[in-house]
Protein backbone atom coordinates (compact mmCIF):
# COMPACT_ATOMS: atom_id res chain seq x y z
CA MET A 1 0.11 -0.15 -0.20
CA LYS A 2 1.34 3.29 -0.90
CA ARG A 3 2.40 6.16 2.06
CA SER A 4 -0.32 8.60 0.78
CA THR A 5 -2.82 6.00 0.25
CA THR A 6 -2.31 5.00 4.21
CA ILE A 7 -1.95 8.78 5.27
CA ALA A 8 -5.36 9.64 3.71
CA LYS A 9 -7.31 6.37 5.38
CA ASN A 10 -5.70 8.05 8.78
CA LEU A 11 -7.14 11.08 7.71
CA ALA A 12 -10.67 10.01 6.86
CA GLN A 13 -10.57 7.68 9.97
CA SER A 14 -9.80 10.88 12.40
CA ILE A 15 -12.46 13.33 10.45
CA GLY A 16 -15.14 10.13 10.75
CA LYS A 17 -14.01 9.92 14.41
CA GLN A 18 -14.52 13.77 15.13
CA ILE A 19 -17.92 13.83 13.16
CA GLN A 20 -19.22 10.64 15.51
CA GLU A 21 -18.19 12.25 18.35
CA GLY A 22 -20.21 15.54 17.62
CA ALA A 23 -17.18 18.39 16.80
CA PHE A 24 -19.32 18.73 13.47
CA ALA A 25 -23.34 18.73 13.74
CA ARG A 26 -25.46 16.84 11.29
CA GLY A 27 -25.44 19.28 7.68
CA GLU A 28 -22.30 21.35 9.16
CA LYS A 29 -19.88 22.25 6.30
CA LEU A 30 -16.44 20.81 7.13
CA PRO A 31 -13.06 23.26 6.35
CA SER A 32 -11.95 23.65 3.42
CA LEU A 33 -9.66 21.56 1.22
CA ARG A 34 -6.69 24.46 1.56
CA THR A 35 -7.77 24.64 5.30
CA LEU A 36 -7.17 21.05 6.30
CA SER A 37 -3.96 20.59 4.05
CA GLU A 38 -2.30 23.90 6.06
CA LEU A 39 -3.65 22.31 9.42
CA HIS A 40 -1.91 18.96 9.33
CA GLY A 41 0.57 19.15 6.55
CA TYR A 42 -1.09 17.59 3.68
CA SER A 43 -1.29 17.67 0.02
CA LYS A 44 -4.55 18.36 -1.11
CA ASN A 45 -4.26 15.18 -3.42
CA THR A 46 -4.60 13.62 0.12
CA VAL A 47 -7.18 15.69 1.91
CA VAL A 48 -9.22 14.83 -1.71
CA ALA A 49 -8.63 11.16 -1.11
CA ALA A 50 -9.81 11.15 2.36
CA PHE A 51 -12.55 13.03 1.34
CA GLU A 52 -13.64 10.35 -1.62
CA ILE A 53 -12.96 7.44 1.77
CA LEU A 54 -15.74 9.02 3.58
CA VAL A 55 -18.27 10.04 0.86
CA SER A 56 -17.82 6.20 -0.24
CA MET A 57 -18.80 5.47 3.54
CA GLY A 58 -21.76 7.73 3.54
CA VAL A 59 -20.26 9.54 6.19
CA ILE A 60 -20.06 12.95 4.39
CA THR A 61 -21.49 14.57 1.41
CA PRO A 62 -20.17 16.63 -1.53
CA ARG A 63 -22.41 19.32 -2.86
CA ARG A 64 -21.04 21.03 -6.45
CA GLY A 65 -19.02 24.41 -5.97
CA SER A 66 -19.89 24.65 -2.61
CA GLY A 67 -17.65 21.82 -0.59
CA PHE A 68 -18.23 19.02 1.83
CA TYR A 69 -21.30 18.70 4.58
CA VAL A 70 -21.72 16.14 7.53
CA SER A 71 -24.30 13.39 5.94
CA GLU A 72 -27.78 13.85 7.43
CA GLN A 73 -27.59 10.33 8.09
CA THR A 74 -24.41 10.12 9.83
CA VAL A 75 -25.08 7.51 12.72
CA ARG A 76 -23.59 8.71 16.16
CA LYS A 77 -22.49 6.98 18.91
CA PRO A 78 -25.32 5.86 21.61
CA ALA A 79 -25.70 8.67 24.34
CA ASP A 80 -25.27 5.31 26.99
CA GLU A 81 -21.68 4.35 24.87
CA GLU A 82 -19.50 6.56 26.72
CA PRO A 83 -16.39 7.51 24.52
CA ARG A 84 -12.72 6.92 26.42
CA SER A 85 -11.39 9.72 28.13
CA LEU A 86 -8.80 10.45 25.58
CA GLU A 87 -11.26 10.26 22.72
CA ARG A 88 -13.54 12.96 25.24
CA ALA A 89 -10.45 15.05 25.58
CA MET A 90 -9.64 14.99 21.88
CA ASN A 91 -12.93 16.90 21.14
CA ILE A 92 -11.05 19.78 22.88
CA VAL A 93 -7.93 19.54 21.02
CA TRP A 94 -9.46 19.41 17.88
CA MET A 95 -11.36 22.68 17.83
CA MET A 96 -8.22 23.90 19.36
CA HIS A 97 -6.54 22.92 16.08
CA GLU A 98 -9.28 24.26 14.25
CA GLN A 99 -9.24 27.50 15.81
CA PHE A 100 -5.83 27.90 16.78
CA LYS A 101 -3.98 26.97 13.67
CA THR A 102 -0.83 28.54 12.31
CA VAL A 103 -2.02 31.07 9.92
CA GLN A 104 0.73 33.34 8.40
CA ASP A 105 0.24 37.23 8.95
CA ALA A 106 -3.24 36.00 10.44
CA HIS A 107 -4.82 38.68 12.77
CA PRO A 108 -5.27 36.82 16.11
CA LEU A 109 -8.28 38.36 17.29
CA GLY A 110 -9.28 35.47 19.88
CA ASP A 111 -6.09 35.57 20.97
CA GLY A 112 -5.78 34.35 24.77
CA PHE A 113 -2.20 35.83 24.88
CA PRO A 114 -1.59 39.80 25.21
CA PRO A 115 -0.06 41.54 21.51
CA VAL A 116 3.56 40.59 21.55
CA GLU A 117 3.97 44.26 21.40
CA TRP A 118 3.11 44.46 25.23
CA LEU A 119 5.46 42.27 26.34
CA SER A 120 8.55 42.90 24.20
CA ASP A 121 9.76 46.08 25.89
CA LEU A 122 10.66 43.67 28.62
CA ARG A 123 13.75 42.16 26.41
CA LEU A 124 14.22 38.54 27.91
CA ASP A 125 16.91 38.31 25.95
CA LYS A 126 19.11 40.92 28.21
CA TYR A 127 18.71 38.82 31.55
CA HIS A 128 20.31 35.42 29.64
CA HIS A 129 24.01 35.86 31.75
CA LYS A 130 22.27 37.22 34.81
CA VAL A 131 20.24 34.15 35.06
CA VAL A 132 23.75 32.17 34.84
CA ARG A 133 25.91 34.30 36.88
CA SER A 134 23.23 33.50 39.92
CA GLY A 135 23.86 30.01 40.28
CA MET A 136 25.60 28.17 37.47
CA GLY A 137 26.11 24.72 40.06
CA THR A 138 22.23 24.33 40.73
CA VAL A 139 21.23 25.42 36.62
CA PHE A 140 22.32 21.73 35.63
CA ARG A 141 20.50 19.99 38.44
CA TYR A 142 16.84 19.58 39.27
CA GLY A 143 16.66 21.80 42.11
CA ASN A 144 14.31 21.57 45.01
CA ARG A 145 10.87 20.03 44.84
CA PHE A 146 8.99 22.88 45.68
CA GLY A 147 10.77 25.20 43.02
CA TYR A 148 13.57 28.38 43.37
CA GLN A 149 13.53 29.13 46.89
CA PRO A 150 14.36 32.97 46.14
CA LEU A 151 11.68 32.94 43.54
CA ARG A 152 9.12 31.70 46.34
CA GLU A 153 9.94 34.09 48.73
CA HIS A 154 9.32 37.25 46.21
CA LEU A 155 5.89 35.54 45.29
CA VAL A 156 5.21 35.52 49.24
CA ARG A 157 5.74 39.23 49.00
CA ARG A 158 3.83 39.74 46.01
CA LEU A 159 0.50 37.72 47.28
CA GLU A 160 0.86 39.91 50.15
CA LEU A 161 -0.25 42.89 48.02
CA PHE A 162 -3.02 41.16 46.86
CA GLY A 163 -3.87 40.27 50.59
CA ILE A 164 -2.97 36.20 50.26
CA GLY A 165 -0.79 35.12 53.55
CA ALA A 166 1.30 32.38 52.29
CA LYS A 167 4.90 30.86 53.27
CA PRO A 168 7.29 29.69 50.93
CA ASN A 169 6.33 26.25 52.05
CA GLN A 170 3.18 26.33 50.77
CA ILE A 171 3.74 27.85 47.52
CA LEU A 172 4.60 25.35 44.26
CA MET A 173 6.55 26.36 41.29
CA THR A 174 4.94 24.82 37.39
CA GLN A 175 5.60 24.86 34.36
CA GLY A 176 2.70 27.22 33.89
CA ALA A 177 -0.83 27.23 34.80
CA ASN A 178 -1.80 24.69 33.46
CA ALA A 179 0.81 22.38 35.00
CA ALA A 180 -0.53 23.57 37.91
CA MET A 181 -4.45 22.44 36.90
CA ASP A 182 -2.51 19.28 36.09
CA LEU A 183 -1.52 18.49 39.45
CA VAL A 184 -4.72 19.36 41.34
CA ILE A 185 -6.58 17.43 39.15
CA ARG A 186 -4.28 14.71 39.42
CA TYR A 187 -4.45 14.55 42.68
CA PHE A 188 -7.71 15.33 43.61
CA VAL A 189 -9.74 13.72 40.87
CA PRO A 190 -10.30 10.07 40.07
CA PRO A 191 -12.05 8.51 37.26
CA GLY A 192 -15.77 9.35 37.58
CA ALA A 193 -15.62 12.10 40.15
CA THR A 194 -17.92 15.16 39.94
CA VAL A 195 -16.16 18.56 39.34
CA LEU A 196 -17.94 22.02 39.13
CA VAL A 197 -16.27 24.21 36.40
CA ASP A 198 -17.69 27.94 35.02
CA ASP A 199 -19.33 27.97 32.62
CA PRO A 200 -18.27 29.43 30.09
CA GLY A 201 -14.89 28.84 31.12
CA TYR A 202 -11.72 27.59 30.10
CA TYR A 203 -11.67 25.04 27.95
CA LEU A 204 -8.46 23.34 28.43
CA LEU A 205 -9.48 22.77 31.74
CA PHE A 206 -12.45 21.12 30.40
CA GLY A 207 -10.09 18.99 28.05
CA LYS A 208 -7.77 17.96 31.49
CA LEU A 209 -10.73 17.18 33.40
CA LYS A 210 -12.36 15.02 30.12
CA LEU A 211 -9.16 13.22 29.80
CA ALA A 212 -9.32 12.79 33.36
CA ASP A 213 -12.97 10.65 33.36
CA ALA A 214 -14.28 13.44 35.25
CA LYS A 215 -18.23 14.46 35.74
CA ILE A 216 -18.15 18.05 34.44
CA ILE A 217 -21.14 20.11 35.56
CA GLY A 218 -21.23 23.82 34.10
CA VAL A 219 -22.16 26.24 36.79
CA PRO A 220 -23.38 29.18 34.63
CA ARG A 221 -21.20 32.47 34.67
CA LEU A 222 -22.86 35.81 35.16
CA PRO A 223 -21.39 39.37 34.60
CA ASP A 224 -20.18 39.55 38.42
CA GLY A 225 -19.95 35.67 39.07
CA PRO A 226 -21.06 32.49 39.16
CA ASP A 227 -24.81 31.44 39.46
CA LEU A 228 -25.18 31.05 43.53
CA GLU A 229 -28.57 29.52 42.74
CA ALA A 230 -27.24 26.90 40.62
CA LEU A 231 -24.11 26.52 42.28
CA GLU A 232 -25.84 25.32 45.79
CA GLN A 233 -28.08 23.06 44.19
CA PHE A 234 -25.27 21.32 42.43
CA ILE A 235 -23.29 21.50 45.41
CA ILE A 236 -26.34 19.84 47.10
CA GLN A 237 -27.39 17.06 44.60
CA GLN A 238 -23.80 16.14 43.22
CA LYS A 239 -21.88 16.31 46.50
CA PRO A 240 -18.30 17.69 44.05
CA ARG A 241 -15.34 17.88 46.24
CA LEU A 242 -13.85 20.69 44.07
CA PHE A 243 -14.62 24.23 41.96
CA PHE A 244 -12.51 25.61 39.10
CA THR A 245 -13.31 29.33 39.12
CA GLN A 246 -11.47 32.34 37.97
CA SER A 247 -12.88 35.66 40.26
CA VAL A 248 -10.47 38.16 38.04
CA ALA A 249 -10.08 38.70 34.90
CA HIS A 250 -12.62 35.80 33.82
CA ASN A 251 -11.58 33.49 30.55
CA PRO A 252 -13.69 34.37 28.17
CA THR A 253 -15.97 36.94 29.73
CA GLY A 254 -13.27 39.12 31.15
CA THR A 255 -15.33 40.13 34.26
CA ASP A 256 -15.02 39.82 38.04
CA LEU A 257 -16.24 38.08 40.90
CA ALA A 258 -18.49 40.75 43.20
CA ALA A 259 -17.02 40.98 46.89
CA TRP A 260 -20.98 40.10 48.25
CA LYS A 261 -21.14 36.81 45.93
CA ALA A 262 -17.39 35.89 46.41
CA LEU A 263 -18.64 36.03 50.46
CA ARG A 264 -21.97 33.68 49.41
CA VAL A 265 -19.49 31.42 47.58
CA LEU A 266 -17.25 30.57 50.28
CA LYS A 267 -19.79 30.13 52.95
CA LEU A 268 -20.96 27.40 50.00
CA ALA A 269 -17.96 25.73 50.62
CA GLN A 270 -17.62 25.71 54.03
CA GLU A 271 -21.04 24.66 54.85
CA HIS A 272 -20.55 21.69 52.16
CA ASN A 273 -16.57 20.88 52.45
CA LEU A 274 -16.17 22.39 48.72
CA LEU A 275 -12.35 22.95 47.56
CA ILE A 276 -12.12 25.98 45.45
CA VAL A 277 -9.25 26.25 42.71
CA GLU A 278 -8.96 29.76 41.67
CA ASN A 279 -7.10 30.18 38.41
CA ASP A 280 -5.66 34.07 38.26
CA ALA A 281 -3.33 33.57 34.99
CA LEU A 282 -3.87 37.25 34.59
CA ALA A 283 -3.83 39.13 38.05
CA ASP A 284 -1.01 41.34 36.45
CA PHE A 285 -3.59 42.88 33.84
CA LYS A 286 -6.07 43.72 37.03
CA PRO A 287 -5.75 46.23 40.08
CA LEU A 288 -4.27 44.89 43.36
CA SER A 289 -7.64 45.52 45.23
CA ALA A 290 -9.93 43.15 43.09
CA THR A 291 -11.59 40.73 44.98
CA ARG A 292 -9.82 36.79 45.39
CA LEU A 293 -11.58 34.61 47.04
CA SER A 294 -7.99 33.22 48.38
CA ALA A 295 -7.52 36.85 49.64
CA LEU A 296 -10.92 36.22 51.69
CA ASP A 297 -10.01 32.63 52.56
CA GLN A 298 -6.78 32.76 53.59
CA LEU A 299 -6.03 29.27 51.52
CA GLU A 300 -8.43 27.52 54.08
CA ARG A 301 -10.51 26.02 51.34
CA THR A 302 -8.91 27.86 48.49
CA ILE A 303 -6.21 26.50 46.22
CA TYR A 304 -4.64 29.52 44.37
CA ILE A 305 -3.04 28.83 40.88
CA GLY A 306 -1.07 32.09 39.18
CA SER A 307 1.10 32.29 36.04
CA PHE A 308 3.89 34.72 34.45
CA SER A 309 3.01 33.23 31.03
CA LYS A 310 0.27 36.20 30.20
CA SER A 311 2.80 39.32 31.54
CA PHE A 312 5.68 37.94 30.83
CA SER A 313 6.59 35.36 28.14
CA ALA A 314 3.97 32.34 27.60
CA SER A 315 7.34 30.59 26.52
CA LEU A 316 8.76 30.77 30.29
CA ARG A 317 5.80 28.48 31.40
CA VAL A 318 6.26 29.57 35.08
CA GLY A 319 3.39 29.54 37.38
CA PHE A 320 2.49 28.17 40.76
CA VAL A 321 0.24 26.80 43.64
CA ALA A 322 -0.27 28.86 46.90
CA CYS A 323 -2.13 26.17 49.06
CA SER A 324 -1.62 24.39 52.67
CA PRO A 325 1.74 23.73 53.97
CA ASP A 326 0.35 20.00 53.96
CA LEU A 327 -1.18 19.80 50.33
CA ALA A 328 1.83 21.97 48.76
CA SER A 329 4.10 18.92 50.02
CA ALA A 330 1.89 16.12 48.48
CA LEU A 331 1.97 17.95 45.19
CA ALA A 332 5.50 18.80 45.30
CA ASP A 333 6.21 14.86 45.67
CA LEU A 334 3.10 14.06 42.37
CA LYS A 335 5.43 16.85 40.37
CA THR A 336 8.54 15.11 41.23
CA LEU A 337 7.28 11.53 40.16
CA ILE A 338 5.51 13.77 37.06
CA SER A 339 8.30 15.64 35.92
CA GLY A 340 11.36 15.40 37.73
CA ASN A 341 10.92 19.31 38.63
CA SER A 342 9.71 22.52 36.93
CA SER A 343 12.35 24.70 34.90
CA GLU A 344 14.96 26.06 37.27
CA TYR A 345 16.69 28.60 34.94
CA CYS A 346 12.81 29.98 33.94
CA GLU A 347 12.43 30.36 37.21
CA ARG A 348 15.51 31.90 37.94
CA THR A 349 15.04 34.43 34.42
CA VAL A 350 11.30 35.81 36.56
CA ASP A 351 13.19 36.23 39.92
CA VAL A 352 16.24 38.00 37.97
CA ILE A 353 13.74 40.32 36.34
CA LEU A 354 11.44 40.84 39.68
CA LYS A 355 14.64 41.74 41.46
CA GLU A 356 16.18 44.42 38.95
CA GLY A 357 12.61 46.66 39.25
CA GLN A 358 11.68 46.25 35.69
CA TYR A 359 8.50 44.20 37.15
CA ASP A 360 7.06 47.12 38.71
CA LYS A 361 7.49 49.76 35.60
CA HIS A 362 6.44 46.66 33.05
CA MET A 363 2.95 45.94 35.27
CA VAL A 364 2.22 49.80 34.89
CA ARG A 365 2.26 50.10 31.08
CA LEU A 366 0.64 46.92 30.83
CA ARG A 367 -2.12 48.32 33.12
CA ASN A 368 -2.42 51.33 31.38
CA ARG A 369 -2.11 49.58 27.74
CA VAL A 370 -5.08 46.76 28.69
CA THR A 371 -6.68 49.96 30.43
CA LYS A 372 -6.76 51.53 27.04
CA ALA A 373 -7.49 48.56 24.80
CA THR A 374 -10.47 47.74 26.90
CA GLU A 375 -12.03 51.37 26.88
CA LEU A 376 -11.18 51.14 22.45
CA ALA A 377 -12.82 47.67 22.13
CA TYR A 378 -15.88 48.58 23.82
CA LYS A 379 -16.79 51.82 21.57
CA ALA A 380 -15.59 49.52 18.75
CA LEU A 381 -17.73 46.86 19.47
CA THR A 382 -20.85 49.13 20.50
CA SER A 383 -20.76 50.84 17.54
CA LEU A 384 -21.33 47.46 15.56
CA ASP A 385 -24.48 47.30 17.73
CA ALA A 386 -22.42 44.23 19.65
CA SER A 387 -24.29 42.72 22.82
CA ILE A 388 -21.28 42.76 25.32
CA PHE A 389 -21.42 40.72 28.53
CA GLY A 390 -21.23 42.79 31.65
CA HIS A 391 -18.27 45.53 32.22
CA SER A 392 -14.72 45.76 33.42
CA ASP A 393 -12.21 48.42 33.19
CA GLN A 394 -9.03 46.88 32.25
CA SER A 395 -9.58 43.31 30.56
CA LEU A 396 -7.59 41.27 27.88
CA TYR A 397 -11.18 39.62 26.85
CA LEU A 398 -14.83 40.95 26.02
CA TRP A 399 -17.48 38.44 25.39
CA ALA A 400 -19.75 40.03 23.17
CA SER A 401 -22.26 38.67 20.06
CA LEU A 402 -23.19 40.21 17.21
CA PRO A 403 -26.15 41.35 15.62
CA GLY A 404 -27.53 38.63 13.10
CA ILE A 405 -25.08 36.29 14.08
CA THR A 406 -26.56 32.72 15.61
CA ASP A 407 -23.24 30.25 14.91
CA THR A 408 -20.06 32.07 15.53
CA HIS A 409 -18.13 28.90 14.72
CA LYS A 410 -19.25 29.90 11.14
CA LEU A 411 -18.29 32.87 11.09
CA ALA A 412 -15.02 31.86 12.26
CA GLN A 413 -14.81 29.38 9.29
CA ASP A 414 -15.86 32.46 7.25
CA LEU A 415 -13.16 35.08 8.50
CA GLN A 416 -10.35 32.42 8.14
CA LYS A 417 -10.29 33.45 4.80
CA LYS A 418 -9.58 37.11 5.09
CA ARG A 419 -6.89 35.51 7.96
CA ILE A 420 -9.16 36.61 10.64
CA LEU A 421 -8.78 34.46 13.87
CA ILE A 422 -11.63 34.46 16.17
CA ALA A 423 -12.61 32.33 18.81
CA PRO A 424 -15.94 30.84 18.94
CA GLY A 425 -18.17 30.67 22.02
CA ARG A 426 -19.04 26.96 21.90
CA LEU A 427 -15.56 26.14 22.50
CA PHE A 428 -16.37 27.78 26.26
CA TYR A 429 -18.99 25.48 26.98
CA VAL A 430 -18.82 22.32 28.74
CA ASP A 431 -21.40 21.16 26.15
CA SER A 432 -19.77 22.40 23.02
CA GLU A 433 -22.02 21.20 20.53
CA PRO A 434 -25.19 23.80 20.65
CA ALA A 435 -24.86 26.61 18.20
CA CYS A 436 -23.41 30.21 20.32
CA GLU A 437 -24.21 33.54 18.98
CA TRP A 438 -20.69 34.60 21.60
CA SER A 439 -17.26 35.41 20.91
CA ARG A 440 -14.24 36.01 22.90
CA PHE A 441 -12.61 39.13 21.51
CA ASN A 442 -9.02 40.17 22.35
CA THR A 443 -8.75 43.83 23.41
CA GLY A 444 -5.85 44.28 22.20
CA ALA A 445 -6.22 42.86 18.56
CA LEU A 446 -9.67 44.63 18.27
CA ALA A 447 -8.02 47.90 17.90
CA ASP A 448 -6.33 46.52 14.68
CA PRO A 449 -8.26 48.53 11.94
CA ALA A 450 -8.23 45.44 9.00
CA VAL A 451 -9.98 43.46 11.93
CA PHE A 452 -12.58 46.10 12.55
CA ARG A 453 -13.18 46.39 8.83
CA ALA A 454 -13.54 42.62 8.32
CA LEU A 455 -16.07 42.52 11.18
CA GLN A 456 -18.36 45.41 9.49
CA GLU A 457 -18.09 43.36 6.24
CA ALA A 458 -18.96 40.40 7.86
CA LEU A 459 -21.87 42.23 8.93
CA ILE A 460 -23.34 44.10 5.85
CA ASN A 461 -22.90 41.49 3.37
CA GLY A 462 -24.83 39.02 5.64
CA VAL A 463 -22.40 36.46 5.73
CA GLN A 464 -23.96 34.58 7.98
CA LYS A 465 -27.48 34.41 8.59
CA SER A 466 -29.70 33.41 11.15
């Protein structure tokens, strides 16, 4: 069998599996040949061959001059036949590949990170020699299982600014916030365990929980925090052990938790023995006085997760967990078992930046930029008659719906042709199948005139009809 034929069959099998698992609805148009070719790195002929296989199986149907569509008769896996955990997680991965694939000269309107120019003035390259001089011997070793001690001591002072009291033995360094969530899930979530999450919320978290074969229940997110009535009902009925949430700069809505609601959430947690995992990856973009559950609770029933990826560089992969001393030690042992240790070189780099005094200046610039970008983004979306979810003076994201747009997944496919990449709302819901009118908009990217014109044209030309 020729290698190209084998690749085509494998690709057909992969696409067929995604259709079966619900990544594409009956009658939905598949990505174009060119899009799939760029996504997978295959020739168009290979993609055509894969489509021909799926057509012969009755999984998809061609429409002359329009493309390929999922057959209305496509058989889905019965509801009582649950996919394996990896297959469940792969639905998230598929959507991520489709939405965030690399497109040359693209405009990242749905990006989860600030614009590069917001971070480039930090000049990471100039810190290398200082990192090496700070301790050549330990750079070549695994180091402390908790992570680089001086950085953890610095984080104690940083957390104090947020109102969170912690000691160095309560802080565990990780390879970014995502690795921190992995550790918490591995430690607390056995297969079949019930876990609460924000809905909409962080899609990568959903994928991790699916990989752990957890039962995921979405708590509706309102502009001022979780829906308290729904949260209480889920806690009483489902008896979950964990609630993953974002109090500040919530992803994807960009909203913040109200102080009065935070107190009620903590009271429910105390009454029902619930642990709260608070992801604060965008802390540097918000005022120090923002309401945080961990500050009110002082790490009694909260596990605080932080990161420098958004404010320094995603490539540094430096995050941390702050929690009780016993739990921090247990998670450190788990981290050692899984990965040996986090990157001391990267942790030393962050420590040098913090000690150099550039951090405070960088944070001032960053907050000024995000405040200005948020104001301009509100004006831009308002001029398009968009509905905006909640309000925040500083936000990297806005959650909005455009008039006449009922399915932003289809809008995303059309805007990709103009090299505009948006983040359709269905990606952020626990149940990602229904069409969604909402999208996450990056406030920094929305300032790009080309992006704004593309959105105007999409609405004027009626690209997406309800």
